[in-house]
């Protein structure tokens, strides 16, 4: 009887492992789109950001280099005064209209040569966008209310695409 119980437990555990979907997790400092993972070890916000809006760009490369090929995710978070830890969702207007996740963007000698391949692109409700959520665990701002450090998890739902991502670290100001 004990052998049958152990065998049943092992089989149940194996089914549980097989049943776990890569879509359920995002890589550390990166995003996944329907199970394909993209590392984003760098984060940027744009100059002129500040109170009520933060454009967040998550990138696979240091964009201060003159030559690179980049995988990138971008979206806007909107808030009433300054970005604070908490839950944000598209149902409350906390996200802007543009979501862009691309791979293979090429910059040579500081000039954009190729916009790469769009994995997900939506502006003003196009592109099958359905909903978005973000949990800001912690955030640091400079005197101009621009994000300089963030710990964030996010999920974006489109008709047939799910983007799950997270980032924890420094955020640079990009021009």
Protein backbone atom coordinates (compact mmCIF):
# COMPACT_ATOMS: atom_id res chain seq x y z
CA UNK A 1 0.00 0.00 0.00
CA UNK A 2 2.87 2.39 0.81
CA UNK A 3 4.42 1.73 -2.61
CA UNK A 4 1.12 2.62 -4.27
CA UNK A 5 0.88 5.86 -2.26
CA UNK A 6 4.46 6.85 -3.15
CA UNK A 7 3.86 6.04 -6.82
CA UNK A 8 0.63 8.07 -6.80
CA UNK A 9 2.40 11.04 -5.18
CA UNK A 10 5.27 10.91 -7.68
CA UNK A 11 2.86 10.71 -10.60
CA UNK A 12 0.85 13.64 -9.22
CA UNK A 13 4.01 15.71 -8.80
CA UNK A 14 5.09 14.93 -12.37
CA UNK A 15 1.69 15.94 -13.74
CA UNK A 16 1.93 19.18 -11.74
CA UNK A 17 5.34 19.97 -13.22
CA UNK A 18 4.23 19.22 -16.76
CA UNK A 19 1.07 21.26 -16.23
CA UNK A 20 3.02 24.41 -15.29
CA UNK A 21 3.09 26.74 -18.26
CA UNK A 22 6.03 29.04 -19.03
CA UNK A 23 3.40 31.73 -19.76
CA UNK A 24 2.78 31.88 -16.01
CA UNK A 25 6.20 33.32 -15.25
CA UNK A 26 8.41 36.13 -16.46
CA UNK A 27 12.18 35.88 -16.52
CA UNK A 28 14.04 37.87 -13.87
CA UNK A 29 14.43 41.41 -15.29
CA UNK A 30 12.73 40.57 -18.52
CA UNK A 31 9.45 39.75 -20.16
CA UNK A 32 7.87 36.71 -21.75
CA UNK A 33 5.43 36.64 -24.61
CA UNK A 34 3.49 33.40 -24.87
CA UNK A 35 6.44 31.53 -23.35
CA UNK A 36 9.29 33.20 -25.29
CA UNK A 37 11.61 35.02 -22.88
CA UNK A 38 13.45 38.30 -23.44
CA UNK A 39 15.99 39.60 -20.91
CA UNK A 40 15.81 43.31 -20.09
CA UNK A 41 18.71 44.18 -17.84
CA UNK A 42 18.30 47.93 -18.34
CA UNK A 43 15.44 50.38 -17.84
CA UNK A 44 14.90 53.91 -19.08
CA UNK A 45 12.40 56.71 -18.76
CA UNK A 46 12.25 59.66 -21.13
CA UNK A 47 13.43 63.17 -20.42
CA UNK A 48 10.50 65.39 -19.56
CA UNK A 49 8.74 62.65 -17.62
CA UNK A 50 7.55 63.67 -14.24
CA UNK A 51 4.44 64.09 -12.18
CA UNK A 52 1.38 62.22 -13.54
CA UNK A 53 3.17 60.10 -16.18
CA UNK A 54 6.17 57.82 -16.46
CA UNK A 55 7.21 56.28 -19.77
CA UNK A 56 8.97 53.04 -18.90
CA UNK A 57 11.29 51.37 -21.41
CA UNK A 58 12.81 47.98 -20.56
CA UNK A 59 15.78 47.09 -22.75
CA UNK A 60 18.21 44.23 -23.31
CA UNK A 61 21.15 46.61 -23.84
CA UNK A 62 22.87 49.70 -22.51
CA UNK A 63 21.46 52.29 -24.88
CA UNK A 64 24.39 54.66 -24.33
CA UNK A 65 26.43 52.45 -26.68
CA UNK A 66 26.76 53.63 -30.29
CA UNK A 67 26.09 50.18 -31.80
CA UNK A 68 23.63 47.61 -30.49
CA UNK A 69 20.78 45.25 -31.24
CA UNK A 70 18.00 45.62 -28.72
CA UNK A 71 14.95 43.75 -27.49
CA UNK A 72 12.62 46.24 -25.85
CA UNK A 73 9.33 46.63 -24.03
CA UNK A 74 7.62 49.99 -23.49
CA UNK A 75 4.48 51.31 -21.82
CA UNK A 76 3.29 54.40 -19.95
CA UNK A 77 2.08 54.47 -16.36
CA UNK A 78 -0.21 57.35 -15.38
CA UNK A 79 -0.97 58.45 -11.83
CA UNK A 80 -2.47 61.38 -9.96
CA UNK A 81 0.61 63.03 -8.38
CA UNK A 82 3.76 60.90 -8.18
CA UNK A 83 4.31 57.22 -8.82
CA UNK A 84 4.05 55.29 -5.55
CA UNK A 85 4.08 51.57 -4.72
CA UNK A 86 0.76 49.92 -5.42
CA UNK A 87 -1.46 48.22 -7.96
CA UNK A 88 -2.17 49.89 -11.31
CA UNK A 89 -4.55 48.66 -14.00
CA UNK A 90 -5.89 49.77 -17.34
CA UNK A 91 -9.46 49.76 -16.06
CA UNK A 92 -8.66 52.82 -13.94
CA UNK A 93 -6.77 54.66 -16.70
CA UNK A 94 -3.36 53.93 -15.16
CA UNK A 95 -1.82 52.98 -18.52
CA UNK A 96 -1.30 55.17 -21.57
CA UNK A 97 -2.47 54.19 -25.03
CA UNK A 98 0.84 52.84 -26.40
CA UNK A 99 2.35 49.42 -25.72
CA UNK A 100 5.37 48.29 -27.73
CA UNK A 101 7.39 45.10 -27.39
CA UNK A 102 9.96 44.45 -30.14
CA UNK A 103 13.04 42.32 -30.82
CA UNK A 104 16.06 42.94 -33.00
CA UNK A 105 16.03 46.76 -33.07
CA UNK A 106 19.38 47.76 -34.60
CA UNK A 107 21.31 50.97 -33.89
CA UNK A 108 24.57 51.67 -35.68
CA UNK A 109 26.75 54.69 -34.89
CA UNK A 110 23.93 56.04 -32.74
CA UNK A 111 21.41 55.96 -35.62
CA UNK A 112 18.35 53.71 -35.77
CA UNK A 113 18.91 51.35 -38.72
CA UNK A 114 16.13 48.80 -38.18
CA UNK A 115 13.03 48.89 -36.01
CA UNK A 116 13.32 45.10 -35.72
CA UNK A 117 10.33 42.82 -35.37
CA UNK A 118 7.27 43.97 -33.47
CA UNK A 119 6.16 41.30 -31.02
CA UNK A 120 3.23 43.34 -29.70
CA UNK A 121 2.22 46.85 -30.69
CA UNK A 122 -0.88 48.70 -29.66
CA UNK A 123 -1.81 52.34 -29.67
CA UNK A 124 -5.20 53.83 -28.80
CA UNK A 125 -6.80 50.42 -28.28
CA UNK A 126 -5.62 48.87 -31.55
CA UNK A 127 -3.65 45.64 -31.83
CA UNK A 128 -6.10 43.52 -29.85
CA UNK A 129 -5.31 45.16 -26.50
CA UNK A 130 -7.60 43.96 -23.69
CA UNK A 131 -6.12 44.84 -20.30
CA UNK A 132 -2.95 45.66 -18.36
CA UNK A 133 -1.90 45.47 -14.72
CA UNK A 134 1.27 46.47 -12.89
CA UNK A 135 2.40 46.09 -9.33
CA UNK A 136 4.99 48.64 -8.26
CA UNK A 137 6.71 47.13 -5.21
CA UNK A 138 9.08 50.07 -4.71
CA UNK A 139 10.08 53.20 -6.58
CA UNK A 140 12.59 56.06 -6.14
CA UNK A 141 12.18 59.44 -7.82
CA UNK A 142 14.53 62.38 -8.41
CA UNK A 143 13.68 66.02 -7.63
CA UNK A 144 11.79 66.26 -10.95
CA UNK A 145 9.64 63.25 -10.02
CA UNK A 146 11.32 61.08 -12.67
CA UNK A 147 11.71 57.41 -11.82
CA UNK A 148 15.33 56.52 -10.96
CA UNK A 149 14.78 53.07 -9.41
CA UNK A 150 11.83 50.66 -9.67
CA UNK A 151 10.74 47.18 -8.70
CA UNK A 152 7.74 46.31 -10.90
CA UNK A 153 5.78 43.30 -12.16
CA UNK A 154 3.45 43.75 -15.15
CA UNK A 155 1.01 41.76 -17.27
CA UNK A 156 -0.51 42.88 -20.57
CA UNK A 157 -3.32 40.94 -22.21
CA UNK A 158 -4.07 41.05 -25.91
CA UNK A 159 -6.49 38.87 -27.92
CA UNK A 160 -4.00 36.03 -28.40
CA UNK A 161 -0.88 37.30 -26.63
CA UNK A 162 0.05 37.56 -22.96
CA UNK A 163 3.07 39.63 -21.92
CA UNK A 164 4.41 39.04 -18.42
CA UNK A 165 7.41 40.97 -17.17
CA UNK A 166 9.31 42.33 -14.25
CA UNK A 167 12.19 44.63 -13.57
CA UNK A 168 14.04 45.56 -10.41
CA UNK A 169 16.86 48.07 -10.58
CA UNK A 170 18.07 51.45 -11.72
CA UNK A 171 16.17 53.51 -14.31
CA UNK A 172 18.16 55.92 -16.48
CA UNK A 173 16.91 59.07 -18.14
CA UNK A 174 16.87 58.61 -21.94
CA UNK A 175 16.70 61.44 -24.43
